[in-house]
Protein backbone atom coordinates (compact mmCIF):
# COMPACT_ATOMS: atom_id res chain seq x y z
CA MET A 1 12.68 -43.10 -78.41
CA ARG A 2 14.90 -45.74 -79.97
CA ILE A 3 16.90 -45.07 -83.09
CA THR A 4 18.74 -47.86 -84.90
CA THR A 5 21.40 -48.02 -87.60
CA LEU A 6 20.74 -50.47 -90.45
CA LYS A 7 22.75 -51.73 -93.39
CA LEU A 8 21.07 -50.91 -96.69
CA GLY A 9 23.34 -52.02 -99.49
CA GLU A 10 26.55 -50.03 -99.14
CA LYS A 11 25.00 -47.51 -96.77
CA GLU A 12 24.42 -47.51 -93.01
CA VAL A 13 21.37 -45.42 -92.22
CA ALA A 14 19.22 -44.53 -89.23
CA ALA A 15 15.66 -45.64 -88.55
CA LEU A 16 13.19 -45.13 -85.73
CA ASN A 17 11.88 -48.21 -83.93
CA SER A 18 8.12 -48.61 -84.12
CA ASP A 19 5.59 -51.33 -83.28
CA ALA A 20 5.46 -52.31 -86.95
CA GLY A 21 9.21 -52.32 -87.57
CA LEU A 22 11.98 -49.88 -88.44
CA VAL A 23 11.04 -46.65 -90.22
CA LEU A 24 13.91 -45.00 -92.06
CA ILE A 25 14.66 -41.35 -91.28
CA ASP A 26 14.61 -40.81 -95.04
CA THR A 27 11.03 -42.14 -95.13
CA ILE A 28 10.05 -39.79 -92.30
CA ASN A 29 11.66 -36.81 -94.06
CA LYS A 30 9.63 -37.44 -97.21
CA ALA A 31 6.39 -37.99 -95.29
CA VAL A 32 6.54 -34.94 -93.00
CA GLY A 33 8.64 -32.50 -95.02
CA ARG A 34 11.79 -32.56 -92.92
CA SER A 35 15.43 -32.69 -93.97
CA TRP A 36 17.09 -34.45 -91.07
CA HIS A 37 20.35 -36.26 -91.75
CA THR A 38 19.99 -39.97 -92.41
CA GLU A 39 23.11 -41.24 -90.60
CA LEU A 40 23.05 -41.34 -86.81
CA PHE A 41 26.45 -39.75 -86.23
CA ASP A 42 25.40 -36.78 -88.35
CA ILE A 43 22.04 -36.56 -86.56
CA ILE A 44 23.82 -36.35 -83.20
CA SER A 45 26.72 -34.12 -84.25
CA CYS A 46 24.44 -31.65 -86.06
CA GLY A 47 22.14 -31.32 -83.05
CA GLU A 48 19.10 -32.89 -84.70
CA LEU A 49 18.40 -35.62 -82.14
CA ASP A 50 16.45 -33.27 -79.85
CA ALA A 51 14.25 -32.14 -82.76
CA ILE A 52 13.53 -35.73 -83.80
CA THR A 53 12.75 -36.66 -80.19
CA GLN A 54 10.37 -33.70 -79.85
CA TRP A 55 8.62 -34.67 -83.09
CA TYR A 56 8.36 -38.27 -81.90
CA GLU A 57 6.86 -37.33 -78.54
CA ALA A 58 4.48 -34.75 -80.05
CA GLY A 59 2.60 -37.26 -82.20
CA GLY A 60 5.37 -38.63 -84.39
CA LYS A 61 5.24 -41.99 -82.64
CA GLU A 62 1.65 -42.43 -83.80
CA LYS A 63 2.48 -41.21 -87.32
CA LEU A 64 5.10 -43.97 -87.66
CA ALA A 65 2.32 -46.56 -87.72
CA GLY A 66 1.18 -45.27 -91.12
CA LEU A 67 4.62 -45.24 -92.74
CA PRO A 68 6.45 -48.06 -94.56
CA ALA A 69 8.55 -50.06 -92.10
CA LEU A 70 11.18 -52.75 -92.40
CA PRO A 71 10.25 -55.78 -90.24
CA TYR A 72 12.71 -56.42 -87.44
CA THR A 73 13.24 -59.98 -88.66
CA GLU A 74 14.40 -58.74 -92.08
CA ALA A 75 16.76 -56.03 -90.83
CA GLU A 76 20.53 -56.21 -91.15
CA TYR A 77 22.04 -54.29 -88.28
CA ALA A 78 25.12 -52.07 -88.17
CA PRO A 79 26.85 -50.38 -85.21
CA LEU A 80 25.50 -46.96 -84.27
CA TYR A 81 28.30 -45.45 -86.35
CA ARG A 82 31.88 -46.30 -87.27
CA ASN A 83 34.05 -43.38 -86.20
CA PRO A 84 33.35 -41.83 -82.81
CA ARG A 85 35.96 -39.24 -81.95
CA LYS A 86 36.58 -40.88 -78.55
CA ILE A 87 35.85 -44.21 -76.89
CA TRP A 88 36.40 -44.10 -73.13
CA GLY A 89 36.14 -46.99 -70.71
CA ILE A 90 35.99 -47.41 -66.93
CA GLY A 91 37.35 -50.43 -65.09
CA MET A 92 36.47 -52.05 -61.76
CA ASN A 93 33.31 -50.03 -61.33
CA TYR A 94 30.74 -52.46 -59.90
CA VAL A 95 30.55 -53.73 -56.33
CA LYS A 96 28.49 -56.73 -55.21
CA ASN A 97 25.91 -55.07 -52.99
CA GLU A 98 24.88 -51.97 -51.07
CA GLU A 99 27.15 -52.83 -48.13
CA GLU A 100 30.22 -52.82 -50.37
CA LEU A 101 28.98 -49.64 -52.02
CA ALA A 102 28.69 -47.91 -48.65
CA ALA A 103 32.21 -49.03 -47.78
CA SER A 104 33.75 -47.62 -50.97
CA ASP A 105 36.46 -45.01 -50.50
CA PRO A 106 34.91 -41.62 -51.35
CA ASN A 107 38.32 -40.45 -52.55
CA ASP A 108 38.60 -43.16 -55.21
CA GLU A 109 38.80 -42.10 -58.85
CA PRO A 110 37.77 -44.12 -61.91
CA VAL A 111 40.28 -46.39 -63.63
CA SER A 112 39.99 -44.98 -67.16
CA PHE A 113 41.31 -46.04 -70.54
CA MET A 114 40.71 -45.25 -74.20
CA LYS A 115 40.20 -47.45 -77.24
CA PRO A 116 40.79 -46.52 -80.91
CA ASP A 117 37.89 -46.73 -83.36
CA THR A 118 39.73 -49.47 -85.25
CA THR A 119 38.55 -51.78 -82.45
CA LEU A 120 34.92 -51.17 -83.41
CA ILE A 121 32.65 -53.92 -84.75
CA GLY A 122 28.88 -54.20 -84.98
CA PRO A 123 26.24 -56.72 -83.96
CA PHE A 124 26.99 -60.31 -85.02
CA ASP A 125 30.47 -59.37 -86.25
CA ALA A 126 33.38 -61.54 -85.13
CA ILE A 127 35.88 -60.74 -82.40
CA ARG A 128 39.20 -61.92 -83.84
CA ILE A 129 41.65 -63.56 -81.42
CA PRO A 130 45.15 -62.13 -82.08
CA GLN A 131 47.84 -64.72 -82.59
CA GLY A 132 50.03 -65.12 -79.52
CA ALA A 133 47.98 -62.74 -77.36
CA GLY A 134 47.08 -65.40 -74.78
CA THR A 135 43.89 -65.27 -72.73
CA ILE A 136 41.19 -62.98 -74.12
CA THR A 137 38.24 -61.75 -72.06
CA ALA A 138 34.99 -59.97 -72.94
CA GLU A 139 32.76 -57.79 -70.80
CA ALA A 140 29.20 -56.54 -71.26
CA GLU A 141 28.78 -52.83 -70.55
CA LEU A 142 26.22 -50.06 -70.79
CA ALA A 143 27.74 -47.05 -72.56
CA VAL A 144 26.79 -43.38 -72.54
CA VAL A 145 26.56 -41.55 -75.87
CA ILE A 146 27.38 -37.86 -75.70
CA GLY A 147 24.92 -35.60 -77.51
CA LYS A 148 26.44 -32.14 -77.08
CA ALA A 149 29.94 -30.74 -76.71
CA CYS A 150 30.78 -30.13 -73.07
CA LYS A 151 33.72 -29.23 -70.85
CA ASN A 152 34.00 -29.04 -67.05
CA ILE A 153 30.35 -29.82 -66.42
CA THR A 154 28.75 -30.99 -63.19
CA GLU A 155 26.82 -34.22 -62.64
CA GLU A 156 23.63 -32.17 -62.44
CA ASP A 157 24.25 -30.79 -65.94
CA CYS A 158 24.87 -34.17 -67.54
CA ASP A 159 21.29 -34.91 -68.52
CA ASP A 160 21.50 -31.98 -70.93
CA VAL A 161 24.49 -33.43 -72.79
CA ILE A 162 23.68 -37.16 -72.84
CA ALA A 163 22.05 -38.34 -76.06
CA GLY A 164 21.27 -41.79 -74.71
CA TYR A 165 22.70 -45.22 -74.05
CA VAL A 166 23.91 -48.22 -76.05
CA ALA A 167 24.97 -51.81 -75.40
CA THR A 168 28.69 -52.56 -75.79
CA ILE A 169 31.20 -55.39 -75.39
CA ASP A 170 34.71 -54.51 -74.24
CA VAL A 171 37.43 -57.05 -75.10
CA THR A 172 40.84 -57.35 -73.42
CA ALA A 173 44.03 -59.34 -73.94
CA ALA A 174 44.12 -60.29 -70.26
CA ASP A 175 47.59 -61.86 -70.23
CA ILE A 176 49.16 -58.73 -71.71
CA HIS A 177 47.47 -56.57 -69.07
CA ALA A 178 48.50 -58.98 -66.31
CA ARG A 179 52.18 -58.62 -67.25
CA ASN A 180 52.06 -54.93 -66.39
CA GLN A 181 49.15 -52.68 -65.40
CA ARG A 182 50.56 -49.97 -67.67
CA PHE A 183 49.84 -52.22 -70.66
CA LEU A 184 46.07 -51.69 -70.25
CA THR A 185 45.59 -49.55 -73.36
CA ARG A 186 47.56 -51.97 -75.56
CA ALA A 187 45.63 -54.92 -74.14
CA LYS A 188 42.33 -53.29 -75.14
CA SER A 189 43.30 -51.86 -78.53
CA PHE A 190 43.51 -54.85 -80.88
CA ASP A 191 41.27 -54.70 -83.95
CA THR A 192 37.70 -56.00 -83.29
CA PHE A 193 38.03 -55.51 -79.51
CA PHE A 194 34.96 -53.26 -79.15
CA GLY A 195 31.44 -54.41 -79.95
CA LEU A 196 28.98 -51.52 -80.42
CA GLY A 197 25.23 -52.05 -80.51
CA SER A 198 22.94 -50.82 -83.24
CA THR A 199 20.29 -49.04 -81.14
CA LEU A 200 20.52 -45.78 -79.23
CA VAL A 201 18.02 -45.72 -76.37
CA THR A 202 17.34 -42.10 -75.43
CA LYS A 203 17.43 -41.11 -71.79
CA GLU A 204 13.66 -40.54 -71.66
CA GLU A 205 13.19 -44.30 -72.13
CA LEU A 206 15.14 -45.08 -68.95
CA PRO A 207 13.68 -42.99 -66.11
CA GLU A 208 14.94 -45.52 -63.51
CA LEU A 209 18.41 -45.89 -64.97
CA LEU A 210 20.09 -47.09 -61.76
CA GLN A 211 17.70 -50.06 -61.56
CA VAL A 212 18.77 -51.34 -64.99
CA HIS A 213 20.55 -54.71 -64.97
CA VAL A 214 23.56 -55.56 -67.15
CA GLU A 215 24.49 -59.18 -67.92
CA THR A 216 27.55 -60.78 -69.51
CA ALA A 217 26.46 -64.01 -71.21
CA LEU A 218 28.56 -66.69 -72.88
CA ASN A 219 27.09 -69.26 -75.26
CA GLY A 220 23.57 -68.49 -74.09
CA GLU A 221 24.22 -68.63 -70.34
CA VAL A 222 24.40 -65.58 -68.06
CA VAL A 223 27.73 -65.60 -66.22
CA HIS A 224 27.65 -62.18 -64.52
CA ARG A 225 24.75 -59.90 -63.58
CA ASN A 226 24.51 -56.64 -61.66
CA LYS A 227 22.58 -53.38 -61.69
CA LEU A 228 23.77 -49.84 -62.22
CA PHE A 229 22.86 -48.89 -58.65
CA HIS A 230 25.94 -50.87 -57.54
CA MET A 231 28.34 -48.73 -59.56
CA LYS A 232 30.94 -46.75 -57.63
CA PHE A 233 30.98 -44.19 -60.44
CA ARG A 234 27.57 -43.80 -62.02
CA PRO A 235 26.97 -42.60 -65.59
CA ASN A 236 26.53 -38.90 -64.82
CA PHE A 237 29.65 -38.94 -62.67
CA ALA A 238 31.60 -40.63 -65.47
CA VAL A 239 30.55 -37.93 -67.95
CA ALA A 240 31.35 -35.05 -65.58
CA PHE A 241 34.68 -36.61 -64.56
CA HIS A 242 35.90 -37.13 -68.11
CA SER A 243 34.70 -33.67 -69.18
CA LYS A 244 37.25 -32.26 -66.74
CA VAL A 245 40.00 -34.09 -68.63
CA MET A 246 39.06 -33.12 -72.16
CA THR A 247 36.20 -31.66 -74.16
CA LEU A 248 33.57 -34.29 -74.85
CA LEU A 249 32.06 -34.13 -78.33
CA PRO A 250 28.81 -35.31 -79.89
CA GLY A 251 29.03 -39.02 -80.61
CA ASP A 252 31.74 -39.73 -78.02
CA ILE A 253 31.15 -43.00 -76.17
CA ILE A 254 31.87 -43.73 -72.50
CA MET A 255 31.58 -47.34 -71.35
CA THR A 256 30.57 -47.52 -67.69
CA GLY A 257 32.12 -50.79 -66.51
CA THR A 258 31.05 -54.42 -66.39
CA PRO A 259 29.41 -56.79 -63.92
CA GLY A 260 32.11 -59.30 -64.90
CA ALA A 261 34.33 -60.67 -67.66
CA VAL A 262 34.31 -64.06 -69.39
CA VAL A 263 37.17 -65.85 -71.10
CA ILE A 264 36.37 -66.22 -74.82
CA ARG A 265 37.68 -68.77 -77.30
CA ASP A 266 37.24 -69.65 -80.94
CA GLY A 267 33.61 -70.59 -81.65
CA ASP A 268 32.09 -68.81 -78.64
CA ILE A 269 29.21 -66.33 -78.71
CA VAL A 270 29.43 -63.51 -76.18
CA GLU A 271 26.45 -61.28 -75.37
CA CYS A 272 25.70 -58.00 -73.67
CA ARG A 273 22.20 -58.13 -72.22
CA ILE A 274 20.71 -54.97 -70.71
CA ASP A 275 17.15 -54.39 -69.50
CA GLY A 276 15.21 -52.60 -72.24
CA PHE A 277 17.82 -53.23 -74.97
CA GLU A 278 18.13 -55.84 -77.68
CA PRO A 279 21.02 -58.19 -76.82
CA LEU A 280 24.33 -57.37 -78.50
CA CYS A 281 25.96 -60.58 -79.77
CA ASN A 282 29.44 -61.11 -81.15
CA SER A 283 31.02 -64.36 -82.27
CA VAL A 284 34.65 -65.26 -81.59
CA ARG A 285 37.12 -66.45 -84.23
CA GLU A 286 40.82 -67.29 -84.26
């Protein structure tokens, strides 16, 4: 199932993706007598995503064809939601090939960082270059969306707490980070430095997750490409690892690393392209 957040006037509301277009949760509620929340963060945090998924898989997908839908070409997209409690990131996670993966140190731990929600922008919004910040880079990443509160879980338990996945763009003031590795959080925390996609792809849609490719593209050209299989720390590991640091809550987001960064400048368009996802695009402005 795919569930997307749209802008409707002053509101940002959830809709299910169908062959005919986007069907609002509000439309579904009225048609089938449900009272699910209409904003995605509330759907996840109130534990309704499983119920919607079960309805969808038990005939709801077919019912969508008979309901009013907004054509994809007429939709105005918003980020999944605006205020996740936590945004985690992992650095230096991909290797080039299986040989490098086999040679990885089994005692390594993820390079982790956090970003504030004031960095968050949606599809087609502009990344703003801070004055005097120097070189700015952007990275395409698949992110995990947490669906249930969890603490100290194992990798094997992670499928029960993952709501799904979303496309993201992580932005960094590279010169600030280069001055001192301890400046990583500051380098990643400027306003507009986190692009969040509009569509949550539930885990059932990605049965071969490790074969999914992630691409960083700049101005229409793919610059970096790799697949999740070449991650040192795969999504379930990332969730379990971070759950041992702090309680993960519904709606928390964990970026899983990038196949590579690109330098961005005023006028550029940077994209996150992931197999099975709509591309996430952000412009760049001084």
